[in-house]
Amino acid sequence: MQEFRFLPKYGPLFHSDKTYFLISGGRASGKSTNAAAYFITLLMGDTFFRGVIARYTQKSIKSSIYRDILDLIQDWGLTNFIKIDGDEIINKINGNMILTHAMKLQDGTQTAKGKGLAKVTHLLIDEAMELNSEEEFIKLNDSFRTKGVDRKVLILFNPGTKRHWIHKRFYIDGKPNPKWLVDHEFIHTTYHDNEHNLDPKKVQEWERMKDLDIEYYNHHILGLWQSGVLGRIFNTWNVGEPDPAGEYDVTYALDFGFANDPAALVELKRHNNKLYIKELIYETGLTNEDLADRMKHLGIKKTDTIIADSAEPKSIESIKRLGFNIKPAYKGPDSIQAGINTIKQYEVYMHPESSNLHQECDLYSWKEGTDKPIDQHNHLMDAIRYGLSKGKGGNYVFKSNKGKSIFDSDGDLKDPTKDYGYTPRRRMY
């Protein structure tokens, strides 16, 4: 059996009577290994233990701390005492067990919150930054309340932007919020705490990053909260409203959603190279009939153009039969990247009351080391791309404020002699 020493900062896991443990850290900080070792210690102990490892998606569970637990069981020579049955790790002697729970299945549907998981003593939320909202955390946490059980909840994460709900709920400017200290422990470790387990050359490499890229060092290596998002896609947008007396080309754009993802509807107003965006709908649980009803109450006329996600032809047809002029977006090759490039051609203004739009703009970012965006915080972002797309027939989707297209079916100006106050351009992606 390999010798294992818990890092001193994890002492509160064993002696604190608090319920919640926010465990954060940077690169090679040891948080996952120590949390895994803690669960195994309880699994093999004499006291009743039923621990749940929760992660946002089903697909990611097996590559999470669950993998660390399996590795430690083997390293510690405990294989003969353990039974692995599907997603359950069971102590064959006393029945203590570790289970897994995904909030979201691979097909995108929501799982039953804690269904069938009785008498849970410990809940470990791995990669908690994946949870998109405080409400999702509250639902998950509440689903594991068991009468007569002294619960402990471990929340593991690598700190991100201060705009994330975890920071807003538990921290103030990167420091633990004192109001939670009565029943919350805050544990933060870095590679300095775990240095005896690390390759000295790698440590030297990270130390050099202090001089080469201090922002990278602070966020990725030390795991400090950052004011913005690394790799943010749209970082030049402004807050503002169009001139009420001005004339604008107008269209509406819709990204469908239902159970987990919200339906997102935006109004797009364009003049010259300026684009004004207003969030109109951002809500889960809306049927197509609900959407049609909301759009009616928002004053969207049946002659107004709505561009929607072409991956939902059934929903588009359903809303069309309810009397709206809704059309599928055109998605050409590499449409996401091309659509982002199209948006970047504009000077963009967000309506001051569009709070979800502001948040998505702040958080929508590239996957590290790629030119692909992270598939999160993108419901309104996707809708905007759809609204700027060009239909297969060649018609420009923007309409004048009178509801008539300034282009003909070939994509040419109907009246090339007219002064539009700007130079109309056909756009495609």
Protein backbone atom coordinates (compact mmCIF):
# COMPACT_ATOMS: atom_id res chain seq x y z
CA MET A 1 0.00 0.00 0.00
CA GLN A 2 1.32 3.43 -0.95
CA GLU A 3 1.72 5.99 1.82
CA PHE A 4 -0.69 8.90 1.60
CA ARG A 5 -0.58 12.16 3.55
CA PHE A 6 -3.47 14.56 3.53
CA LEU A 7 -2.46 18.15 3.00
CA PRO A 8 -2.79 20.06 6.31
CA LYS A 9 -5.35 22.48 4.87
CA TYR A 10 -7.81 19.59 4.51
CA GLY A 11 -7.90 18.98 8.27
CA PRO A 12 -11.34 20.64 8.60
CA LEU A 13 -12.86 17.79 6.60
CA PHE A 14 -12.18 15.53 9.58
CA HIS A 15 -12.70 17.77 12.60
CA SER A 16 -15.04 20.60 11.57
CA ASP A 17 -18.74 20.28 12.40
CA LYS A 18 -19.71 22.62 9.56
CA THR A 19 -21.90 21.36 6.73
CA TYR A 20 -20.46 22.98 3.61
CA PHE A 21 -16.88 22.89 2.33
CA LEU A 22 -15.94 25.08 -0.61
CA ILE A 23 -12.75 23.53 -1.94
CA SER A 24 -10.95 25.51 -4.60
CA GLY A 25 -7.47 25.48 -6.07
CA GLY A 26 -5.22 26.04 -9.01
CA ARG A 27 -2.98 23.76 -11.06
CA ALA A 28 -1.77 20.62 -9.19
CA SER A 29 -3.20 21.92 -5.92
CA GLY A 30 -4.16 18.42 -4.74
CA LYS A 31 -7.83 19.19 -4.16
CA SER A 32 -9.21 16.30 -6.24
CA THR A 33 -6.81 13.73 -4.81
CA ASN A 34 -7.42 14.81 -1.22
CA ALA A 35 -11.20 14.84 -1.68
CA ALA A 36 -11.03 11.38 -3.30
CA ALA A 37 -8.88 10.08 -0.43
CA TYR A 38 -11.35 11.55 2.07
CA PHE A 39 -14.23 9.66 0.45
CA ILE A 40 -12.26 6.39 0.45
CA THR A 41 -11.36 6.86 4.13
CA LEU A 42 -15.05 7.17 4.96
CA LEU A 43 -15.94 4.28 2.63
CA MET A 44 -13.61 1.96 4.56
CA GLY A 45 -14.50 3.32 8.02
CA ASP A 46 -16.83 1.77 10.58
CA THR A 47 -19.32 4.65 10.59
CA PHE A 48 -22.23 4.52 8.15
CA PHE A 49 -21.30 6.35 4.95
CA ARG A 50 -23.16 6.90 1.71
CA GLY A 51 -21.42 9.41 -0.53
CA VAL A 52 -22.63 10.81 -3.84
CA ILE A 53 -20.36 12.28 -6.51
CA ALA A 54 -22.41 14.71 -8.56
CA ARG A 55 -21.46 16.39 -11.78
CA TYR A 56 -23.47 18.42 -14.23
CA THR A 57 -23.29 16.01 -17.17
CA GLN A 58 -23.47 12.22 -17.26
CA LYS A 59 -20.71 12.01 -19.84
CA SER A 60 -18.14 13.75 -17.64
CA ILE A 61 -18.61 11.70 -14.46
CA LYS A 62 -16.23 8.88 -15.36
CA SER A 63 -13.44 11.36 -16.13
CA SER A 64 -13.94 13.21 -12.86
CA ILE A 65 -12.88 12.57 -9.29
CA TYR A 66 -14.54 9.17 -9.67
CA ARG A 67 -11.46 8.12 -11.67
CA ASP A 68 -9.19 9.35 -8.86
CA ILE A 69 -11.11 7.22 -6.38
CA LEU A 70 -10.70 4.08 -8.47
CA ASP A 71 -6.97 4.76 -8.87
CA LEU A 72 -6.48 5.26 -5.13
CA ILE A 73 -8.40 2.07 -4.31
CA GLN A 74 -5.91 0.18 -6.45
CA ASP A 75 -2.87 2.07 -5.11
CA TRP A 76 -3.95 1.43 -1.52
CA GLY A 77 -4.45 -2.30 -2.10
CA LEU A 78 -8.18 -2.19 -1.34
CA THR A 79 -9.44 -3.94 -4.46
CA ASN A 80 -10.35 -7.18 -2.66
CA PHE A 81 -12.57 -5.30 -0.21
CA ILE A 82 -14.46 -3.38 -2.87
CA LYS A 83 -17.28 -4.31 -5.20
CA ILE A 84 -17.90 -2.10 -8.24
CA ASP A 85 -21.43 -2.46 -9.53
CA GLY A 86 -22.11 -0.10 -12.41
CA ASP A 87 -21.69 3.40 -11.01
CA GLU A 88 -21.61 2.15 -7.40
CA ILE A 89 -18.48 1.50 -5.34
CA ILE A 90 -19.41 -0.71 -2.38
CA ASN A 91 -17.49 -1.80 0.71
CA LYS A 92 -18.17 -5.57 0.76
CA ILE A 93 -17.72 -5.75 4.54
CA ASN A 94 -20.10 -3.10 5.88
CA GLY A 95 -22.09 -1.91 2.87
CA ASN A 96 -20.77 1.65 2.82
CA MET A 97 -20.94 3.00 -0.70
CA ILE A 98 -20.09 5.74 -3.19
CA LEU A 99 -22.59 6.52 -5.95
CA THR A 100 -22.62 8.92 -8.89
CA HIS A 101 -25.30 11.37 -9.96
CA ALA A 102 -25.58 13.46 -13.12
CA MET A 103 -27.82 16.49 -13.29
CA LYS A 104 -28.00 16.29 -17.07
CA LEU A 105 -28.04 13.21 -19.27
CA GLN A 106 -26.25 12.94 -22.61
CA ASP A 107 -29.46 13.65 -24.49
CA GLY A 108 -29.82 16.92 -22.60
CA THR A 109 -32.75 15.89 -20.41
CA GLN A 110 -32.75 16.62 -16.71
CA THR A 111 -32.33 13.69 -14.34
CA ALA A 112 -34.64 13.09 -11.41
CA LYS A 113 -33.12 15.02 -8.54
CA GLY A 114 -31.76 12.48 -6.08
CA LYS A 115 -34.41 9.89 -6.95
CA GLY A 116 -33.66 6.61 -5.18
CA LEU A 117 -30.62 8.00 -3.36
CA ALA A 118 -31.70 7.68 0.26
CA LYS A 119 -29.69 8.28 3.44
CA VAL A 120 -26.93 10.24 1.72
CA THR A 121 -24.34 11.41 4.25
CA HIS A 122 -21.94 13.20 1.90
CA LEU A 123 -22.50 15.04 -1.37
CA LEU A 124 -19.46 15.95 -3.46
CA ILE A 125 -20.13 18.33 -6.35
CA ASP A 126 -17.20 18.02 -8.72
CA GLU A 127 -16.32 20.81 -11.19
CA ALA A 128 -19.05 22.96 -9.65
CA MET A 129 -18.34 25.80 -12.10
CA GLU A 130 -20.20 23.69 -14.69
CA LEU A 131 -23.48 24.45 -12.90
CA ASN A 132 -24.91 27.33 -14.86
CA SER A 133 -26.96 28.92 -12.11
CA GLU A 134 -27.40 29.25 -8.39
CA GLU A 135 -30.86 27.73 -8.80
CA GLU A 136 -29.36 24.49 -10.16
CA PHE A 137 -27.10 24.25 -7.12
CA ILE A 138 -29.99 24.86 -4.73
CA LYS A 139 -32.12 22.19 -6.42
CA LEU A 140 -29.28 19.66 -6.29
CA ASN A 141 -28.43 20.47 -2.69
CA ASP A 142 -32.05 20.31 -1.53
CA SER A 143 -32.62 16.98 -3.27
CA PHE A 144 -30.15 15.26 -0.95
CA ARG A 145 -31.62 16.36 2.35
CA THR A 146 -32.26 13.28 4.51
CA LYS A 147 -33.85 13.46 7.94
CA GLY A 148 -31.63 12.19 10.74
CA VAL A 149 -28.42 12.29 8.69
CA ASP A 150 -25.53 14.61 9.54
CA ARG A 151 -24.74 15.78 6.01
CA LYS A 152 -21.59 17.22 4.58
CA VAL A 153 -21.47 18.91 1.17
CA LEU A 154 -18.15 19.32 -0.66
CA ILE A 155 -18.11 21.83 -3.53
CA LEU A 156 -14.99 21.45 -5.70
CA PHE A 157 -14.04 23.95 -8.39
CA ASN A 158 -11.32 25.90 -10.14
CA PRO A 159 -12.19 29.59 -9.67
CA GLY A 160 -13.23 31.46 -12.78
CA THR A 161 -14.70 34.90 -13.30
CA LYS A 162 -16.08 36.92 -10.41
CA ARG A 163 -19.32 37.17 -12.39
CA HIS A 164 -20.00 33.46 -11.85
CA TRP A 165 -22.79 32.69 -9.41
CA ILE A 166 -20.40 30.81 -7.06
CA HIS A 167 -18.41 33.98 -6.50
CA LYS A 168 -21.52 36.12 -6.21
CA ARG A 169 -23.04 33.78 -3.62
CA PHE A 170 -20.03 32.80 -1.50
CA TYR A 171 -17.31 35.42 -2.03
CA ILE A 172 -16.65 39.15 -1.94
CA ASP A 173 -13.89 40.33 -4.26
CA GLY A 174 -12.26 36.89 -4.22
CA LYS A 175 -12.43 36.46 -0.43
CA PRO A 176 -14.93 34.27 1.51
CA ASN A 177 -18.10 36.15 2.39
CA PRO A 178 -18.20 36.31 6.23
CA LYS A 179 -21.95 35.73 6.33
CA TRP A 180 -21.42 32.07 5.41
CA LEU A 181 -18.70 31.26 7.95
CA VAL A 182 -21.12 29.93 10.57
CA ASP A 183 -21.64 26.68 8.60
CA HIS A 184 -19.21 26.93 5.64
CA GLU A 185 -15.52 26.07 5.50
CA PHE A 186 -13.40 27.61 2.75
CA ILE A 187 -10.34 25.62 1.65
CA HIS A 188 -8.02 26.89 -1.06
CA THR A 189 -4.75 25.21 -2.04
CA THR A 190 -2.08 25.83 -4.65
CA TYR A 191 0.88 23.86 -5.97
CA HIS A 192 2.90 25.34 -3.10
CA ASP A 193 0.82 23.25 -0.65
CA ASN A 194 1.36 20.13 -2.75
CA GLU A 195 4.94 20.74 -3.86
CA HIS A 196 6.36 17.60 -2.21
CA ASN A 197 4.27 15.51 -4.63
CA LEU A 198 5.31 17.38 -7.78
CA ASP A 199 8.13 17.27 -10.31
CA PRO A 200 10.60 20.05 -9.39
CA LYS A 201 11.09 20.93 -13.06
CA LYS A 202 7.36 21.51 -13.46
CA VAL A 203 7.34 23.70 -10.36
CA GLN A 204 10.19 25.76 -11.81
CA GLU A 205 8.24 26.10 -15.06
CA TRP A 206 5.21 27.47 -13.21
CA GLU A 207 7.41 29.85 -11.22
CA ARG A 208 8.73 31.30 -14.48
CA MET A 209 5.17 32.08 -15.54
CA LYS A 210 5.08 34.83 -12.91
CA ASP A 211 7.36 36.88 -15.16
CA LEU A 212 6.12 35.61 -18.51
CA ASP A 213 2.34 35.94 -17.98
CA ILE A 214 1.21 37.08 -14.55
CA GLU A 215 -2.50 36.89 -15.47
CA TYR A 216 -2.13 33.26 -16.53
CA TYR A 217 -0.08 32.50 -13.41
CA ASN A 218 -2.61 34.05 -11.04
CA HIS A 219 -5.67 32.44 -12.59
CA HIS A 220 -4.56 29.05 -13.93
CA ILE A 221 -1.63 28.27 -11.65
CA LEU A 222 -2.73 29.82 -8.34
CA GLY A 223 -6.46 29.49 -8.98
CA LEU A 224 -7.35 33.07 -8.11
CA TRP A 225 -10.67 34.59 -9.11
CA GLN A 226 -10.42 36.87 -12.12
CA SER A 227 -12.36 39.99 -12.93
CA GLY A 228 -13.04 38.95 -16.54
CA VAL A 229 -13.04 35.81 -18.66
CA LEU A 230 -9.92 34.55 -20.39
CA GLY A 231 -10.63 34.10 -24.09
CA ARG A 232 -13.77 36.23 -23.99
CA ILE A 233 -15.21 36.37 -27.51
CA PHE A 234 -17.03 39.71 -27.47
CA ASN A 235 -15.13 42.23 -25.35
CA THR A 236 -15.96 45.48 -27.15
CA TRP A 237 -19.74 45.58 -26.79
CA ASN A 238 -21.36 48.67 -25.32
CA VAL A 239 -24.54 49.39 -23.38
CA GLY A 240 -27.01 51.66 -25.11
CA GLU A 241 -30.38 52.09 -26.79
CA PRO A 242 -31.28 53.10 -30.34
CA ASP A 243 -32.69 56.55 -31.05
CA PRO A 244 -36.50 56.26 -30.69
CA ALA A 245 -36.91 58.59 -33.65
CA GLY A 246 -34.37 56.79 -35.81
CA GLU A 247 -35.01 54.42 -38.69
CA TYR A 248 -33.58 50.94 -38.35
CA ASP A 249 -33.65 47.63 -40.15
CA VAL A 250 -35.30 45.24 -37.70
CA THR A 251 -35.53 41.50 -37.29
CA TYR A 252 -36.16 39.07 -34.44
CA ALA A 253 -34.10 35.96 -33.72
CA LEU A 254 -34.95 32.87 -31.71
CA ASP A 255 -32.95 30.05 -30.14
CA PHE A 256 -35.20 27.23 -28.97
CA GLY A 257 -34.98 25.67 -25.52
CA PHE A 258 -37.18 23.92 -23.02
CA ALA A 259 -36.11 21.78 -20.05
CA ASN A 260 -32.57 22.84 -19.22
CA ASP A 261 -31.78 25.50 -21.80
CA PRO A 262 -33.89 28.64 -22.04
CA ALA A 263 -35.70 29.77 -25.13
CA ALA A 264 -33.96 33.00 -26.12
CA LEU A 265 -35.54 35.70 -28.27
CA VAL A 266 -33.81 38.95 -29.24
CA GLU A 267 -34.76 42.04 -31.18
CA LEU A 268 -32.02 43.23 -33.54
CA LYS A 269 -32.01 46.79 -34.86
CA ARG A 270 -29.38 47.85 -37.38
CA HIS A 271 -28.27 51.16 -38.80
CA ASN A 272 -25.05 51.45 -40.77
CA ASN A 273 -22.53 49.33 -38.85
CA LYS A 274 -24.32 49.74 -35.51
CA LEU A 275 -26.32 46.85 -34.10
CA TYR A 276 -28.68 47.28 -31.15
CA ILE A 277 -29.70 44.12 -29.30
CA LYS A 278 -32.56 43.75 -26.84
CA GLU A 279 -33.34 40.57 -24.92
CA LEU A 280 -37.07 39.80 -25.10
CA ILE A 281 -37.41 36.22 -23.83
CA TYR A 282 -35.01 34.13 -21.75
CA GLU A 283 -36.94 31.37 -20.05
CA THR A 284 -37.14 27.58 -19.70
CA GLY A 285 -40.28 25.47 -19.91
CA LEU A 286 -41.94 27.37 -22.76
CA THR A 287 -43.83 25.37 -25.38
CA ASN A 288 -44.15 26.63 -28.94
CA GLU A 289 -47.65 27.82 -28.07
CA ASP A 290 -46.24 29.69 -25.06
CA LEU A 291 -43.61 31.32 -27.28
CA ALA A 292 -46.25 32.41 -29.78
CA ASP A 293 -48.34 33.87 -26.98
CA ARG A 294 -45.35 35.74 -25.52
CA MET A 295 -44.40 37.13 -28.93
CA LYS A 296 -47.95 38.33 -29.45
CA HIS A 297 -47.92 40.16 -26.13
CA LEU A 298 -44.52 41.64 -26.96
CA GLY A 299 -46.13 43.30 -29.96
CA ILE A 300 -44.38 41.23 -32.60
CA LYS A 301 -46.56 41.46 -35.67
CA LYS A 302 -47.25 38.55 -37.96
CA THR A 303 -45.51 40.45 -40.75
CA ASP A 304 -42.30 40.79 -38.74
CA THR A 305 -39.49 38.42 -39.62
CA ILE A 306 -38.31 35.92 -37.00
CA ILE A 307 -35.19 33.88 -37.77
CA ALA A 308 -34.91 30.68 -35.73
CA ASP A 309 -32.57 27.74 -35.27
CA SER A 310 -32.88 25.62 -38.43
CA ALA A 311 -32.16 22.49 -36.36
CA GLU A 312 -35.76 22.74 -35.06
CA PRO A 313 -37.91 22.50 -38.24
CA LYS A 314 -40.89 21.07 -36.32
CA SER A 315 -40.93 23.98 -33.89
CA ILE A 316 -40.54 26.48 -36.73
CA GLU A 317 -43.48 24.95 -38.58
CA SER A 318 -45.56 24.91 -35.40
CA ILE A 319 -45.03 28.62 -34.75
CA LYS A 320 -45.56 29.40 -38.44
CA ARG A 321 -48.97 27.68 -38.27
CA LEU A 322 -49.78 29.94 -35.34
CA GLY A 323 -49.50 32.84 -37.75
CA PHE A 324 -45.96 34.15 -37.43
CA ASN A 325 -43.48 34.89 -40.21
CA ILE A 326 -40.75 32.60 -38.86
CA LYS A 327 -37.93 31.26 -41.03
CA PRO A 328 -34.99 28.92 -40.48
CA ALA A 329 -31.52 30.40 -40.17
CA TYR A 330 -29.04 29.54 -42.85
CA LYS A 331 -26.12 27.54 -41.52
CA GLY A 332 -23.28 27.30 -43.98
CA PRO A 333 -19.91 25.62 -43.44
CA ASP A 334 -18.37 26.41 -40.05
CA SER A 335 -21.41 28.56 -39.30
CA ILE A 336 -20.54 29.27 -35.66
CA GLN A 337 -17.13 30.75 -36.42
CA ALA A 338 -18.45 32.56 -39.48
CA GLY A 339 -21.40 33.91 -37.51
CA ILE A 340 -19.11 35.22 -34.77
CA ASN A 341 -17.03 36.95 -37.44
CA THR A 342 -20.17 38.53 -38.85
CA ILE A 343 -21.21 39.88 -35.44
CA LYS A 344 -17.74 41.34 -34.97
CA GLN A 345 -18.23 43.52 -38.05
CA TYR A 346 -20.73 45.56 -36.06
CA GLU A 347 -20.48 48.14 -33.33
CA VAL A 348 -22.78 46.40 -30.85
CA TYR A 349 -24.98 47.98 -28.20
CA MET A 350 -26.84 45.93 -25.57
CA HIS A 351 -30.07 47.21 -24.06
CA PRO A 352 -29.36 48.28 -20.46
CA GLU A 353 -32.16 46.10 -19.06
CA SER A 354 -31.07 42.92 -20.90
CA SER A 355 -29.38 41.30 -17.89
CA ASN A 356 -29.01 37.80 -19.35
CA LEU A 357 -27.52 39.27 -22.52
CA HIS A 358 -24.95 41.16 -20.43
CA GLN A 359 -24.04 37.98 -18.57
CA GLU A 360 -23.67 35.86 -21.71
CA CYS A 361 -21.51 38.57 -23.28
CA ASP A 362 -19.26 38.49 -20.22
CA LEU A 363 -18.97 34.69 -20.11
CA TYR A 364 -19.08 33.58 -23.77
CA SER A 365 -15.49 32.51 -24.44
CA TRP A 366 -13.20 30.34 -26.56
CA LYS A 367 -12.11 26.88 -25.52
CA GLU A 368 -8.55 27.23 -24.35
CA GLY A 369 -6.10 26.71 -27.19
CA THR A 370 -8.79 26.46 -29.90
CA ASP A 371 -10.87 28.65 -32.18
CA LYS A 372 -14.08 27.01 -30.96
CA PRO A 373 -16.36 28.62 -28.39
CA ILE A 374 -17.27 26.81 -25.18
CA ASP A 375 -20.80 25.42 -25.49
CA GLN A 376 -22.14 27.46 -22.58
CA HIS A 377 -23.58 30.92 -22.05
CA ASN A 378 -24.60 31.00 -25.71
CA HIS A 379 -28.39 30.95 -25.98
CA LEU A 380 -28.75 34.63 -26.82
CA MET A 381 -25.42 34.54 -28.65
CA ASP A 382 -26.73 31.81 -30.94
CA ALA A 383 -29.96 33.70 -31.54
CA ILE A 384 -27.97 36.76 -32.64
CA ARG A 385 -26.03 34.64 -35.14
CA TYR A 386 -29.29 33.30 -36.55
CA GLY A 387 -30.67 36.79 -36.91
CA LEU A 388 -27.67 37.86 -38.98
CA SER A 389 -27.80 34.89 -41.32
CA LYS A 390 -28.90 35.00 -44.92
CA GLY A 391 -31.69 32.78 -46.19
CA LYS A 392 -31.01 30.16 -48.82
CA GLY A 393 -33.09 32.08 -51.32
CA GLY A 394 -30.77 35.06 -51.13
CA ASN A 395 -33.07 37.40 -49.22
CA TYR A 396 -31.46 39.60 -46.62
CA VAL A 397 -33.26 38.82 -43.37
CA PHE A 398 -33.28 42.36 -41.96
CA LYS A 399 -36.44 44.30 -42.69
CA SER A 400 -36.89 48.04 -42.75
CA ASN A 401 -38.84 49.52 -39.88
CA LYS A 402 -41.84 49.51 -42.19
CA GLY A 403 -41.62 45.75 -42.45
CA LYS A 404 -40.51 45.62 -46.10
CA SER A 405 -37.25 44.21 -47.37
CA ILE A 406 -34.95 46.69 -49.10
CA PHE A 407 -33.60 43.82 -51.25
CA ASP A 408 -35.26 41.86 -54.03
CA SER A 409 -35.26 38.07 -54.42
CA ASP A 410 -31.83 38.19 -56.05
CA GLY A 411 -30.39 40.07 -53.12
CA ASP A 412 -30.10 43.37 -55.01
CA LEU A 413 -31.45 46.74 -53.82
CA LYS A 414 -35.00 47.31 -55.00
CA ASP A 415 -34.29 51.04 -55.38
CA PRO A 416 -30.55 51.65 -55.90
CA THR A 417 -31.19 55.41 -56.28
CA LYS A 418 -32.73 55.75 -52.82
CA ASP A 419 -30.69 57.36 -50.03
CA TYR A 420 -30.84 54.83 -47.17
CA GLY A 421 -28.54 56.89 -44.96
CA TYR A 422 -25.98 54.07 -45.10
CA THR A 423 -24.57 51.55 -47.56
CA PRO A 424 -26.71 48.38 -47.38
CA ARG A 425 -24.68 45.21 -47.66
CA ARG A 426 -25.70 41.63 -48.21
CA ARG A 427 -24.29 39.35 -45.54
CA MET A 428 -23.87 35.62 -45.47
CA TYR A 429 -22.45 32.98 -43.16
